[in-house]
ModelCIF file with pLDDT and N, C-alpha, C, O atoms, coordinates in Angstrom:
data_MODEL
#
_entry.id   MODEL 
#
_entity.id                         1 
_entity.type                       polymer 
_entity.pdbx_number_of_molecules   1 
#
_entity_poly.entity_id                      1 
_entity_poly.type                           'polypeptide(L)' 
_entity_poly.nstd_linkage                   no 
_entity_poly.nstd_monomer                   no 
_entity_poly.pdbx_seq_one_letter_code       RKLRLKCNHFDIVEEILVKLITLHPGYRIKEVPFFFEKRKAGKTKRNL 
_entity_poly.pdbx_seq_one_letter_code_can   RKLRLKCNHFDIVEEILVKLITLHPGYRIKEVPFFFEKRKAGKTKRNL 
_entity_poly.pdbx_strand_id                 A 
#
loop_
_entity_poly_seq.entity_id 
_entity_poly_seq.num 
_entity_poly_seq.mon_id 
_entity_poly_seq.hetero 
1 1  ARG n 
1 2  LYS n 
1 3  LEU n 
1 4  ARG n 
1 5  LEU n 
1 6  LYS n 
1 7  CYS n 
1 8  ASN n 
1 9  HIS n 
1 10 PHE n 
1 11 ASP n 
1 12 ILE n 
1 13 VAL n 
1 14 GLU n 
1 15 GLU n 
1 16 ILE n 
1 17 LEU n 
1 18 VAL n 
1 19 LYS n 
1 20 LEU n 
1 21 ILE n 
1 22 THR n 
1 23 LEU n 
1 24 HIS n 
1 25 PRO n 
1 26 GLY n 
1 27 TYR n 
1 28 ARG n 
1 29 ILE n 
1 30 LYS n 
1 31 GLU n 
1 32 VAL n 
1 33 PRO n 
1 34 PHE n 
1 35 PHE n 
1 36 PHE n 
1 37 GLU n 
1 38 LYS n 
1 39 ARG n 
1 40 LYS n 
1 41 ALA n 
1 42 GLY n 
1 43 LYS n 
1 44 THR n 
1 45 LYS n 
1 46 ARG n 
1 47 ASN n 
1 48 LEU n 
#
_struct_asym.id          A 
_struct_asym.entity_id   1 
#
loop_
_ma_qa_metric.id 
_ma_qa_metric.mode 
_ma_qa_metric.name 
_ma_qa_metric.software_group_id 
_ma_qa_metric.type 
1 global pLDDT . pLDDT 
2 local  pLDDT . pLDDT 
#
_ma_qa_metric_global.metric_id      1 
_ma_qa_metric_global.metric_value   80.50 
_ma_qa_metric_global.model_id       1 
_ma_qa_metric_global.ordinal_id     1 
#
loop_
_ma_qa_metric_local.label_asym_id 
_ma_qa_metric_local.label_comp_id 
_ma_qa_metric_local.label_seq_id 
_ma_qa_metric_local.metric_id 
_ma_qa_metric_local.metric_value 
_ma_qa_metric_local.model_id 
_ma_qa_metric_local.ordinal_id 
A ARG 1  2 90.00 1 1  
A LYS 2  2 88.00 1 2  
A LEU 3  2 88.00 1 3  
A ARG 4  2 85.00 1 4  
A LEU 5  2 85.00 1 5  
A LYS 6  2 81.00 1 6  
A CYS 7  2 77.00 1 7  
A ASN 8  2 73.00 1 8  
A HIS 9  2 74.00 1 9  
A PHE 10 2 73.00 1 10 
A ASP 11 2 77.00 1 11 
A ILE 12 2 83.00 1 12 
A VAL 13 2 84.00 1 13 
A GLU 14 2 85.00 1 14 
A GLU 15 2 85.00 1 15 
A ILE 16 2 88.00 1 16 
A LEU 17 2 87.00 1 17 
A VAL 18 2 86.00 1 18 
A LYS 19 2 86.00 1 19 
A LEU 20 2 88.00 1 20 
A ILE 21 2 84.00 1 21 
A THR 22 2 83.00 1 22 
A LEU 23 2 81.00 1 23 
A HIS 24 2 81.00 1 24 
A PRO 25 2 79.00 1 25 
A GLY 26 2 82.00 1 26 
A TYR 27 2 83.00 1 27 
A ARG 28 2 82.00 1 28 
A ILE 29 2 80.00 1 29 
A LYS 30 2 79.00 1 30 
A GLU 31 2 80.00 1 31 
A VAL 32 2 79.00 1 32 
A PRO 33 2 77.00 1 33 
A PHE 34 2 76.00 1 34 
A PHE 35 2 76.00 1 35 
A PHE 36 2 73.00 1 36 
A GLU 37 2 79.00 1 37 
A LYS 38 2 79.00 1 38 
A ARG 39 2 78.00 1 39 
A LYS 40 2 81.00 1 40 
A ALA 41 2 82.00 1 41 
A GLY 42 2 81.00 1 42 
A LYS 43 2 80.00 1 43 
A THR 44 2 75.00 1 44 
A LYS 45 2 72.00 1 45 
A ARG 46 2 70.00 1 46 
A ASN 47 2 74.00 1 47 
A LEU 48 2 75.00 1 48 
#
loop_
_atom_site.group_PDB 
_atom_site.id 
_atom_site.type_symbol 
_atom_site.label_atom_id 
_atom_site.label_alt_id 
_atom_site.label_comp_id 
_atom_site.label_asym_id 
_atom_site.label_entity_id 
_atom_site.label_seq_id 
_atom_site.pdbx_PDB_ins_code 
_atom_site.Cartn_x 
_atom_site.Cartn_y 
_atom_site.Cartn_z 
_atom_site.occupancy 
_atom_site.B_iso_or_equiv 
_atom_site.pdbx_formal_charge 
_atom_site.auth_seq_id 
_atom_site.auth_comp_id 
_atom_site.auth_asym_id 
_atom_site.auth_atom_id 
_atom_site.pdbx_PDB_model_num 
ATOM 1   N N  . ARG A 1 1  ? 0.817  -1.227  0.000   1.00 90.00 ? 1  ARG A N  1 
ATOM 2   C CA . ARG A 1 1  ? 0.000  0.000   0.000   1.00 90.00 ? 1  ARG A CA 1 
ATOM 3   C C  . ARG A 1 1  ? 0.847  1.272   0.000   1.00 90.00 ? 1  ARG A C  1 
ATOM 4   O O  . ARG A 1 1  ? 0.376  2.324   -0.433  1.00 90.00 ? 1  ARG A O  1 
ATOM 5   N N  . LYS A 1 2  ? 2.069  1.191   0.471   1.00 88.00 ? 2  LYS A N  1 
ATOM 6   C CA . LYS A 1 2  ? 2.954  2.366   0.519   1.00 88.00 ? 2  LYS A CA 1 
ATOM 7   C C  . LYS A 1 2  ? 3.560  2.705   -0.840  1.00 88.00 ? 2  LYS A C  1 
ATOM 8   O O  . LYS A 1 2  ? 4.073  3.807   -1.033  1.00 88.00 ? 2  LYS A O  1 
ATOM 9   N N  . LEU A 1 3  ? 3.505  1.771   -1.774  1.00 88.00 ? 3  LEU A N  1 
ATOM 10  C CA . LEU A 1 3  ? 4.139  1.978   -3.077  1.00 88.00 ? 3  LEU A CA 1 
ATOM 11  C C  . LEU A 1 3  ? 3.285  2.868   -3.980  1.00 88.00 ? 3  LEU A C  1 
ATOM 12  O O  . LEU A 1 3  ? 2.057  2.786   -3.975  1.00 88.00 ? 3  LEU A O  1 
ATOM 13  N N  . ARG A 1 4  ? 3.948  3.704   -4.739  1.00 85.00 ? 4  ARG A N  1 
ATOM 14  C CA . ARG A 1 4  ? 3.288  4.468   -5.802  1.00 85.00 ? 4  ARG A CA 1 
ATOM 15  C C  . ARG A 1 4  ? 3.643  3.768   -7.110  1.00 85.00 ? 4  ARG A C  1 
ATOM 16  O O  . ARG A 1 4  ? 4.749  3.919   -7.629  1.00 85.00 ? 4  ARG A O  1 
ATOM 17  N N  . LEU A 1 5  ? 2.704  3.013   -7.625  1.00 85.00 ? 5  LEU A N  1 
ATOM 18  C CA . LEU A 1 5  ? 2.957  2.210   -8.814  1.00 85.00 ? 5  LEU A CA 1 
ATOM 19  C C  . LEU A 1 5  ? 2.576  2.975   -10.073 1.00 85.00 ? 5  LEU A C  1 
ATOM 20  O O  . LEU A 1 5  ? 1.557  3.665   -10.112 1.00 85.00 ? 5  LEU A O  1 
ATOM 21  N N  . LYS A 1 6  ? 3.413  2.842   -11.109 1.00 81.00 ? 6  LYS A N  1 
ATOM 22  C CA . LYS A 1 6  ? 3.212  3.566   -12.361 1.00 81.00 ? 6  LYS A CA 1 
ATOM 23  C C  . LYS A 1 6  ? 2.833  2.659   -13.522 1.00 81.00 ? 6  LYS A C  1 
ATOM 24  O O  . LYS A 1 6  ? 2.162  3.101   -14.455 1.00 81.00 ? 6  LYS A O  1 
ATOM 25  N N  . CYS A 1 7  ? 3.246  1.414   -13.479 1.00 77.00 ? 7  CYS A N  1 
ATOM 26  C CA . CYS A 1 7  ? 2.978  0.496   -14.587 1.00 77.00 ? 7  CYS A CA 1 
ATOM 27  C C  . CYS A 1 7  ? 1.496  0.123   -14.612 1.00 77.00 ? 7  CYS A C  1 
ATOM 28  O O  . CYS A 1 7  ? 0.834  0.079   -13.575 1.00 77.00 ? 7  CYS A O  1 
ATOM 29  N N  . ASN A 1 8  ? 0.995  -0.143  -15.807 1.00 73.00 ? 8  ASN A N  1 
ATOM 30  C CA . ASN A 1 8  ? -0.421 -0.456  -15.955 1.00 73.00 ? 8  ASN A CA 1 
ATOM 31  C C  . ASN A 1 8  ? -0.693 -1.856  -16.477 1.00 73.00 ? 8  ASN A C  1 
ATOM 32  O O  . ASN A 1 8  ? -1.849 -2.276  -16.532 1.00 73.00 ? 8  ASN A O  1 
ATOM 33  N N  . HIS A 1 9  ? 0.326  -2.573  -16.854 1.00 74.00 ? 9  HIS A N  1 
ATOM 34  C CA . HIS A 1 9  ? 0.125  -3.874  -17.474 1.00 74.00 ? 9  HIS A CA 1 
ATOM 35  C C  . HIS A 1 9  ? 0.838  -4.940  -16.651 1.00 74.00 ? 9  HIS A C  1 
ATOM 36  O O  . HIS A 1 9  ? 1.059  -4.753  -15.455 1.00 74.00 ? 9  HIS A O  1 
ATOM 37  N N  . PHE A 1 10 ? 1.195  -6.044  -17.271 1.00 73.00 ? 10 PHE A N  1 
ATOM 38  C CA . PHE A 1 10 ? 1.845  -7.131  -16.546 1.00 73.00 ? 10 PHE A CA 1 
ATOM 39  C C  . PHE A 1 10 ? 3.196  -6.733  -15.971 1.00 73.00 ? 10 PHE A C  1 
ATOM 40  O O  . PHE A 1 10 ? 3.696  -7.397  -15.063 1.00 73.00 ? 10 PHE A O  1 
ATOM 41  N N  . ASP A 1 11 ? 3.797  -5.657  -16.482 1.00 77.00 ? 11 ASP A N  1 
ATOM 42  C CA . ASP A 1 11 ? 5.089  -5.224  -15.951 1.00 77.00 ? 11 ASP A CA 1 
ATOM 43  C C  . ASP A 1 11 ? 4.984  -4.669  -14.537 1.00 77.00 ? 11 ASP A C  1 
ATOM 44  O O  . ASP A 1 11 ? 6.001  -4.366  -13.912 1.00 77.00 ? 11 ASP A O  1 
ATOM 45  N N  . ILE A 1 12 ? 3.772  -4.534  -14.034 1.00 83.00 ? 12 ILE A N  1 
ATOM 46  C CA . ILE A 1 12 ? 3.593  -4.075  -12.654 1.00 83.00 ? 12 ILE A CA 1 
ATOM 47  C C  . ILE A 1 12 ? 4.189  -5.094  -11.675 1.00 83.00 ? 12 ILE A C  1 
ATOM 48  O O  . ILE A 1 12 ? 4.605  -4.729  -10.575 1.00 83.00 ? 12 ILE A O  1 
ATOM 49  N N  . VAL A 1 13 ? 4.230  -6.365  -12.074 1.00 84.00 ? 13 VAL A N  1 
ATOM 50  C CA . VAL A 1 13 ? 4.803  -7.420  -11.230 1.00 84.00 ? 13 VAL A CA 1 
ATOM 51  C C  . VAL A 1 13 ? 6.276  -7.118  -10.957 1.00 84.00 ? 13 VAL A C  1 
ATOM 52  O O  . VAL A 1 13 ? 6.730  -7.192  -9.815  1.00 84.00 ? 13 VAL A O  1 
ATOM 53  N N  . GLU A 1 14 ? 7.010  -6.780  -12.004 1.00 85.00 ? 14 GLU A N  1 
ATOM 54  C CA . GLU A 1 14 ? 8.427  -6.455  -11.843 1.00 85.00 ? 14 GLU A CA 1 
ATOM 55  C C  . GLU A 1 14 ? 8.605  -5.126  -11.126 1.00 85.00 ? 14 GLU A C  1 
ATOM 56  O O  . GLU A 1 14 ? 9.544  -4.968  -10.346 1.00 85.00 ? 14 GLU A O  1 
ATOM 57  N N  . GLU A 1 15 ? 7.708  -4.155  -11.380 1.00 85.00 ? 15 GLU A N  1 
ATOM 58  C CA . GLU A 1 15 ? 7.801  -2.860  -10.701 1.00 85.00 ? 15 GLU A CA 1 
ATOM 59  C C  . GLU A 1 15 ? 7.671  -3.033  -9.193  1.00 85.00 ? 15 GLU A C  1 
ATOM 60  O O  . GLU A 1 15 ? 8.414  -2.412  -8.433  1.00 85.00 ? 15 GLU A O  1 
ATOM 61  N N  . ILE A 1 16 ? 6.746  -3.861  -8.756  1.00 88.00 ? 16 ILE A N  1 
ATOM 62  C CA . ILE A 1 16 ? 6.575  -4.112  -7.323  1.00 88.00 ? 16 ILE A CA 1 
ATOM 63  C C  . ILE A 1 16 ? 7.871  -4.655  -6.731  1.00 88.00 ? 16 ILE A C  1 
ATOM 64  O O  . ILE A 1 16 ? 8.319  -4.183  -5.687  1.00 88.00 ? 16 ILE A O  1 
ATOM 65  N N  . LEU A 1 17 ? 8.476  -5.641  -7.387  1.00 87.00 ? 17 LEU A N  1 
ATOM 66  C CA . LEU A 1 17 ? 9.729  -6.213  -6.893  1.00 87.00 ? 17 LEU A CA 1 
ATOM 67  C C  . LEU A 1 17 ? 10.832 -5.165  -6.816  1.00 87.00 ? 17 LEU A C  1 
ATOM 68  O O  . LEU A 1 17 ? 11.525 -5.056  -5.804  1.00 87.00 ? 17 LEU A O  1 
ATOM 69  N N  . VAL A 1 18 ? 10.991 -4.396  -7.888  1.00 86.00 ? 18 VAL A N  1 
ATOM 70  C CA . VAL A 1 18 ? 12.052 -3.375  -7.938  1.00 86.00 ? 18 VAL A CA 1 
ATOM 71  C C  . VAL A 1 18 ? 11.869 -2.385  -6.803  1.00 86.00 ? 18 VAL A C  1 
ATOM 72  O O  . VAL A 1 18 ? 12.830 -2.069  -6.100  1.00 86.00 ? 18 VAL A O  1 
ATOM 73  N N  . LYS A 1 19 ? 10.665 -1.895  -6.612  1.00 86.00 ? 19 LYS A N  1 
ATOM 74  C CA . LYS A 1 19 ? 10.448 -0.873  -5.585  1.00 86.00 ? 19 LYS A CA 1 
ATOM 75  C C  . LYS A 1 19 ? 10.581 -1.434  -4.178  1.00 86.00 ? 19 LYS A C  1 
ATOM 76  O O  . LYS A 1 19 ? 11.170 -0.784  -3.315  1.00 86.00 ? 19 LYS A O  1 
ATOM 77  N N  . LEU A 1 20 ? 10.052 -2.620  -3.927  1.00 88.00 ? 20 LEU A N  1 
ATOM 78  C CA . LEU A 1 20 ? 10.182 -3.194  -2.587  1.00 88.00 ? 20 LEU A CA 1 
ATOM 79  C C  . LEU A 1 20 ? 11.641 -3.441  -2.224  1.00 88.00 ? 20 LEU A C  1 
ATOM 80  O O  . LEU A 1 20 ? 12.061 -3.156  -1.103  1.00 88.00 ? 20 LEU A O  1 
ATOM 81  N N  . ILE A 1 21 ? 12.409 -3.966  -3.163  1.00 84.00 ? 21 ILE A N  1 
ATOM 82  C CA . ILE A 1 21 ? 13.811 -4.266  -2.888  1.00 84.00 ? 21 ILE A CA 1 
ATOM 83  C C  . ILE A 1 21 ? 14.646 -2.993  -2.793  1.00 84.00 ? 21 ILE A C  1 
ATOM 84  O O  . ILE A 1 21 ? 15.587 -2.928  -2.002  1.00 84.00 ? 21 ILE A O  1 
ATOM 85  N N  . THR A 1 22 ? 14.313 -1.988  -3.586  1.00 83.00 ? 22 THR A N  1 
ATOM 86  C CA . THR A 1 22 ? 15.065 -0.730  -3.547  1.00 83.00 ? 22 THR A CA 1 
ATOM 87  C C  . THR A 1 22 ? 14.751 0.062   -2.282  1.00 83.00 ? 22 THR A C  1 
ATOM 88  O O  . THR A 1 22 ? 15.654 0.610   -1.650  1.00 83.00 ? 22 THR A O  1 
ATOM 89  N N  . LEU A 1 23 ? 13.482 0.124   -1.913  1.00 81.00 ? 23 LEU A N  1 
ATOM 90  C CA . LEU A 1 23 ? 13.077 0.907   -0.740  1.00 81.00 ? 23 LEU A CA 1 
ATOM 91  C C  . LEU A 1 23 ? 13.367 0.184   0.568   1.00 81.00 ? 23 LEU A C  1 
ATOM 92  O O  . LEU A 1 23 ? 13.549 0.826   1.602   1.00 81.00 ? 23 LEU A O  1 
ATOM 93  N N  . HIS A 1 24 ? 13.410 -1.130  0.536   1.00 81.00 ? 24 HIS A N  1 
ATOM 94  C CA . HIS A 1 24 ? 13.668 -1.944  1.734   1.00 81.00 ? 24 HIS A CA 1 
ATOM 95  C C  . HIS A 1 24 ? 14.805 -2.908  1.419   1.00 81.00 ? 24 HIS A C  1 
ATOM 96  O O  . HIS A 1 24 ? 14.545 -4.057  1.062   1.00 81.00 ? 24 HIS A O  1 
ATOM 97  N N  . PRO A 1 25 ? 16.064 -2.472  1.540   1.00 79.00 ? 25 PRO A N  1 
ATOM 98  C CA . PRO A 1 25 ? 17.216 -3.285  1.110   1.00 79.00 ? 25 PRO A CA 1 
ATOM 99  C C  . PRO A 1 25 ? 17.258 -4.713  1.659   1.00 79.00 ? 25 PRO A C  1 
ATOM 100 O O  . PRO A 1 25 ? 17.788 -5.592  0.980   1.00 79.00 ? 25 PRO A O  1 
ATOM 101 N N  . GLY A 1 26 ? 16.741 -4.980  2.820   1.00 82.00 ? 26 GLY A N  1 
ATOM 102 C CA . GLY A 1 26 ? 16.776 -6.331  3.366   1.00 82.00 ? 26 GLY A CA 1 
ATOM 103 C C  . GLY A 1 26 ? 15.538 -7.145  3.034   1.00 82.00 ? 26 GLY A C  1 
ATOM 104 O O  . GLY A 1 26 ? 15.336 -8.227  3.584   1.00 82.00 ? 26 GLY A O  1 
ATOM 105 N N  . TYR A 1 27 ? 14.713 -6.630  2.138   1.00 83.00 ? 27 TYR A N  1 
ATOM 106 C CA . TYR A 1 27 ? 13.435 -7.288  1.829   1.00 83.00 ? 27 TYR A CA 1 
ATOM 107 C C  . TYR A 1 27 ? 13.674 -8.707  1.332   1.00 83.00 ? 27 TYR A C  1 
ATOM 108 O O  . TYR A 1 27 ? 14.465 -8.928  0.415   1.00 83.00 ? 27 TYR A O  1 
ATOM 109 N N  . ARG A 1 28 ? 12.992 -9.657  1.937   1.00 82.00 ? 28 ARG A N  1 
ATOM 110 C CA . ARG A 1 28 ? 13.150 -11.061 1.564   1.00 82.00 ? 28 ARG A CA 1 
ATOM 111 C C  . ARG A 1 28 ? 12.009 -11.503 0.655   1.00 82.00 ? 28 ARG A C  1 
ATOM 112 O O  . ARG A 1 28 ? 10.859 -11.100 0.826   1.00 82.00 ? 28 ARG A O  1 
ATOM 113 N N  . ILE A 1 29 ? 12.353 -12.329 -0.299  1.00 80.00 ? 29 ILE A N  1 
ATOM 114 C CA . ILE A 1 29 ? 11.369 -12.903 -1.203  1.00 80.00 ? 29 ILE A CA 1 
ATOM 115 C C  . ILE A 1 29 ? 11.427 -14.411 -1.038  1.00 80.00 ? 29 ILE A C  1 
ATOM 116 O O  . ILE A 1 29 ? 12.486 -15.017 -1.205  1.00 80.00 ? 29 ILE A O  1 
ATOM 117 N N  . LYS A 1 30 ? 10.315 -15.008 -0.719  1.00 79.00 ? 30 LYS A N  1 
ATOM 118 C CA . LYS A 1 30 ? 10.220 -16.457 -0.597  1.00 79.00 ? 30 LYS A CA 1 
ATOM 119 C C  . LYS A 1 30 ? 9.421  -16.956 -1.788  1.00 79.00 ? 30 LYS A C  1 
ATOM 120 O O  . LYS A 1 30 ? 8.265  -16.576 -1.974  1.00 79.00 ? 30 LYS A O  1 
ATOM 121 N N  . GLU A 1 31 ? 10.037 -17.801 -2.587  1.00 80.00 ? 31 GLU A N  1 
ATOM 122 C CA . GLU A 1 31 ? 9.370  -18.317 -3.778  1.00 80.00 ? 31 GLU A CA 1 
ATOM 123 C C  . GLU A 1 31 ? 8.949  -19.764 -3.584  1.00 80.00 ? 31 GLU A C  1 
ATOM 124 O O  . GLU A 1 31 ? 9.683  -20.573 -3.017  1.00 80.00 ? 31 GLU A O  1 
ATOM 125 N N  . VAL A 1 32 ? 7.771  -20.067 -4.060  1.00 79.00 ? 32 VAL A N  1 
ATOM 126 C CA . VAL A 1 32 ? 7.273  -21.432 -4.083  1.00 79.00 ? 32 VAL A CA 1 
ATOM 127 C C  . VAL A 1 32 ? 7.190  -21.817 -5.556  1.00 79.00 ? 32 VAL A C  1 
ATOM 128 O O  . VAL A 1 32 ? 6.352  -21.288 -6.287  1.00 79.00 ? 32 VAL A O  1 
ATOM 129 N N  . PRO A 1 33 ? 8.042  -22.724 -5.995  1.00 77.00 ? 33 PRO A N  1 
ATOM 130 C CA . PRO A 1 33 ? 8.077  -23.051 -7.424  1.00 77.00 ? 33 PRO A CA 1 
ATOM 131 C C  . PRO A 1 33 ? 6.798  -23.742 -7.905  1.00 77.00 ? 33 PRO A C  1 
ATOM 132 O O  . PRO A 1 33 ? 6.175  -24.518 -7.181  1.00 77.00 ? 33 PRO A O  1 
ATOM 133 N N  . PHE A 1 34 ? 6.438  -23.437 -9.127  1.00 76.00 ? 34 PHE A N  1 
ATOM 134 C CA . PHE A 1 34 ? 5.372  -24.162 -9.793  1.00 76.00 ? 34 PHE A CA 1 
ATOM 135 C C  . PHE A 1 34 ? 5.741  -24.266 -11.262 1.00 76.00 ? 34 PHE A C  1 
ATOM 136 O O  . PHE A 1 34 ? 6.620  -23.547 -11.737 1.00 76.00 ? 34 PHE A O  1 
ATOM 137 N N  . PHE A 1 35 ? 5.094  -25.130 -11.962 1.00 76.00 ? 35 PHE A N  1 
ATOM 138 C CA . PHE A 1 35 ? 5.474  -25.406 -13.343 1.00 76.00 ? 35 PHE A CA 1 
ATOM 139 C C  . PHE A 1 35 ? 4.275  -25.257 -14.270 1.00 76.00 ? 35 PHE A C  1 
ATOM 140 O O  . PHE A 1 35 ? 3.159  -25.670 -13.956 1.00 76.00 ? 35 PHE A O  1 
ATOM 141 N N  . PHE A 1 36 ? 4.546  -24.651 -15.421 1.00 73.00 ? 36 PHE A N  1 
ATOM 142 C CA . PHE A 1 36 ? 3.522  -24.547 -16.450 1.00 73.00 ? 36 PHE A CA 1 
ATOM 143 C C  . PHE A 1 36 ? 3.540  -25.825 -17.265 1.00 73.00 ? 36 PHE A C  1 
ATOM 144 O O  . PHE A 1 36 ? 4.597  -26.406 -17.510 1.00 73.00 ? 36 PHE A O  1 
ATOM 145 N N  . GLU A 1 37 ? 2.382  -26.249 -17.675 1.00 79.00 ? 37 GLU A N  1 
ATOM 146 C CA . GLU A 1 37 ? 2.306  -27.407 -18.553 1.00 79.00 ? 37 GLU A CA 1 
ATOM 147 C C  . GLU A 1 37 ? 2.304  -26.933 -19.998 1.00 79.00 ? 37 GLU A C  1 
ATOM 148 O O  . GLU A 1 37 ? 1.895  -25.812 -20.301 1.00 79.00 ? 37 GLU A O  1 
ATOM 149 N N  . LYS A 1 38 ? 2.762  -27.793 -20.866 1.00 79.00 ? 38 LYS A N  1 
ATOM 150 C CA . LYS A 1 38 ? 2.776  -27.490 -22.287 1.00 79.00 ? 38 LYS A CA 1 
ATOM 151 C C  . LYS A 1 38 ? 1.333  -27.325 -22.780 1.00 79.00 ? 38 LYS A C  1 
ATOM 152 O O  . LYS A 1 38 ? 0.430  -28.052 -22.367 1.00 79.00 ? 38 LYS A O  1 
ATOM 153 N N  . ARG A 1 39 ? 1.149  -26.372 -23.651 1.00 78.00 ? 39 ARG A N  1 
ATOM 154 C CA . ARG A 1 39 ? -0.169 -26.114 -24.233 1.00 78.00 ? 39 ARG A CA 1 
ATOM 155 C C  . ARG A 1 39 ? -0.698 -27.402 -24.874 1.00 78.00 ? 39 ARG A C  1 
ATOM 156 O O  . ARG A 1 39 ? 0.013  -28.073 -25.621 1.00 78.00 ? 39 ARG A O  1 
ATOM 157 N N  . LYS A 1 40 ? -1.948 -27.734 -24.572 1.00 81.00 ? 40 LYS A N  1 
ATOM 158 C CA . LYS A 1 40 ? -2.537 -28.966 -25.092 1.00 81.00 ? 40 LYS A CA 1 
ATOM 159 C C  . LYS A 1 40 ? -3.263 -28.754 -26.412 1.00 81.00 ? 40 LYS A C  1 
ATOM 160 O O  . LYS A 1 40 ? -3.452 -29.702 -27.174 1.00 81.00 ? 40 LYS A O  1 
ATOM 161 N N  . ALA A 1 41 ? -3.671 -27.522 -26.688 1.00 82.00 ? 41 ALA A N  1 
ATOM 162 C CA . ALA A 1 41 ? -4.402 -27.247 -27.925 1.00 82.00 ? 41 ALA A CA 1 
ATOM 163 C C  . ALA A 1 41 ? -4.100 -25.826 -28.385 1.00 82.00 ? 41 ALA A C  1 
ATOM 164 O O  . ALA A 1 41 ? -3.787 -24.951 -27.578 1.00 82.00 ? 41 ALA A O  1 
ATOM 165 N N  . GLY A 1 42 ? -4.195 -25.615 -29.664 1.00 81.00 ? 42 GLY A N  1 
ATOM 166 C CA . GLY A 1 42 ? -4.032 -24.283 -30.225 1.00 81.00 ? 42 GLY A CA 1 
ATOM 167 C C  . GLY A 1 42 ? -2.577 -23.868 -30.333 1.00 81.00 ? 42 GLY A C  1 
ATOM 168 O O  . GLY A 1 42 ? -1.666 -24.594 -29.936 1.00 81.00 ? 42 GLY A O  1 
ATOM 169 N N  . LYS A 1 43 ? -2.387 -22.675 -30.884 1.00 80.00 ? 43 LYS A N  1 
ATOM 170 C CA . LYS A 1 43 ? -1.048 -22.109 -31.059 1.00 80.00 ? 43 LYS A CA 1 
ATOM 171 C C  . LYS A 1 43 ? -0.988 -20.754 -30.384 1.00 80.00 ? 43 LYS A C  1 
ATOM 172 O O  . LYS A 1 43 ? -2.001 -20.067 -30.250 1.00 80.00 ? 43 LYS A O  1 
ATOM 173 N N  . THR A 1 44 ? 0.197  -20.380 -29.964 1.00 75.00 ? 44 THR A N  1 
ATOM 174 C CA . THR A 1 44 ? 0.368  -19.071 -29.373 1.00 75.00 ? 44 THR A CA 1 
ATOM 175 C C  . THR A 1 44 ? 0.190  -17.984 -30.427 1.00 75.00 ? 44 THR A C  1 
ATOM 176 O O  . THR A 1 44 ? 0.533  -18.170 -31.595 1.00 75.00 ? 44 THR A O  1 
ATOM 177 N N  . LYS A 1 45 ? -0.345 -16.864 -30.002 1.00 72.00 ? 45 LYS A N  1 
ATOM 178 C CA . LYS A 1 45 ? -0.504 -15.729 -30.898 1.00 72.00 ? 45 LYS A CA 1 
ATOM 179 C C  . LYS A 1 45 ? 0.607  -14.710 -30.656 1.00 72.00 ? 45 LYS A C  1 
ATOM 180 O O  . LYS A 1 45 ? 0.643  -13.648 -31.278 1.00 72.00 ? 45 LYS A O  1 
ATOM 181 N N  . ARG A 1 46 ? 1.504  -15.050 -29.748 1.00 70.00 ? 46 ARG A N  1 
ATOM 182 C CA . ARG A 1 46 ? 2.585  -14.149 -29.365 1.00 70.00 ? 46 ARG A CA 1 
ATOM 183 C C  . ARG A 1 46 ? 3.685  -14.161 -30.425 1.00 70.00 ? 46 ARG A C  1 
ATOM 184 O O  . ARG A 1 46 ? 4.142  -15.219 -30.857 1.00 70.00 ? 46 ARG A O  1 
ATOM 185 N N  . ASN A 1 47 ? 4.096  -12.973 -30.830 1.00 74.00 ? 47 ASN A N  1 
ATOM 186 C CA . ASN A 1 47 ? 5.194  -12.806 -31.773 1.00 74.00 ? 47 ASN A CA 1 
ATOM 187 C C  . ASN A 1 47 ? 6.465  -12.621 -30.964 1.00 74.00 ? 47 ASN A C  1 
ATOM 188 O O  . ASN A 1 47 ? 6.528  -11.734 -30.113 1.00 74.00 ? 47 ASN A O  1 
ATOM 189 N N  . LEU A 1 48 ? 7.478  -13.439 -31.212 1.00 75.00 ? 48 LEU A N  1 
ATOM 190 C CA . LEU A 1 48 ? 8.700  -13.408 -30.416 1.00 75.00 ? 48 LEU A CA 1 
ATOM 191 C C  . LEU A 1 48 ? 9.386  -12.051 -30.449 1.00 75.00 ? 48 LEU A C  1 
ATOM 192 O O  . LEU A 1 48 ? 10.431 -11.873 -29.823 1.00 75.00 ? 48 LEU A O  1 
#
């Protein structure tokens, strides 16, 4: 709630990390790994 966020899209995820770590140097991040499964149908519409 203390953060002033500027990003409007999915890049807000990285903005949160950057600001928390920059403003709070000892900020800890605990990650719980998960895995994406391969697409079962269709093709990606994303252009590399």
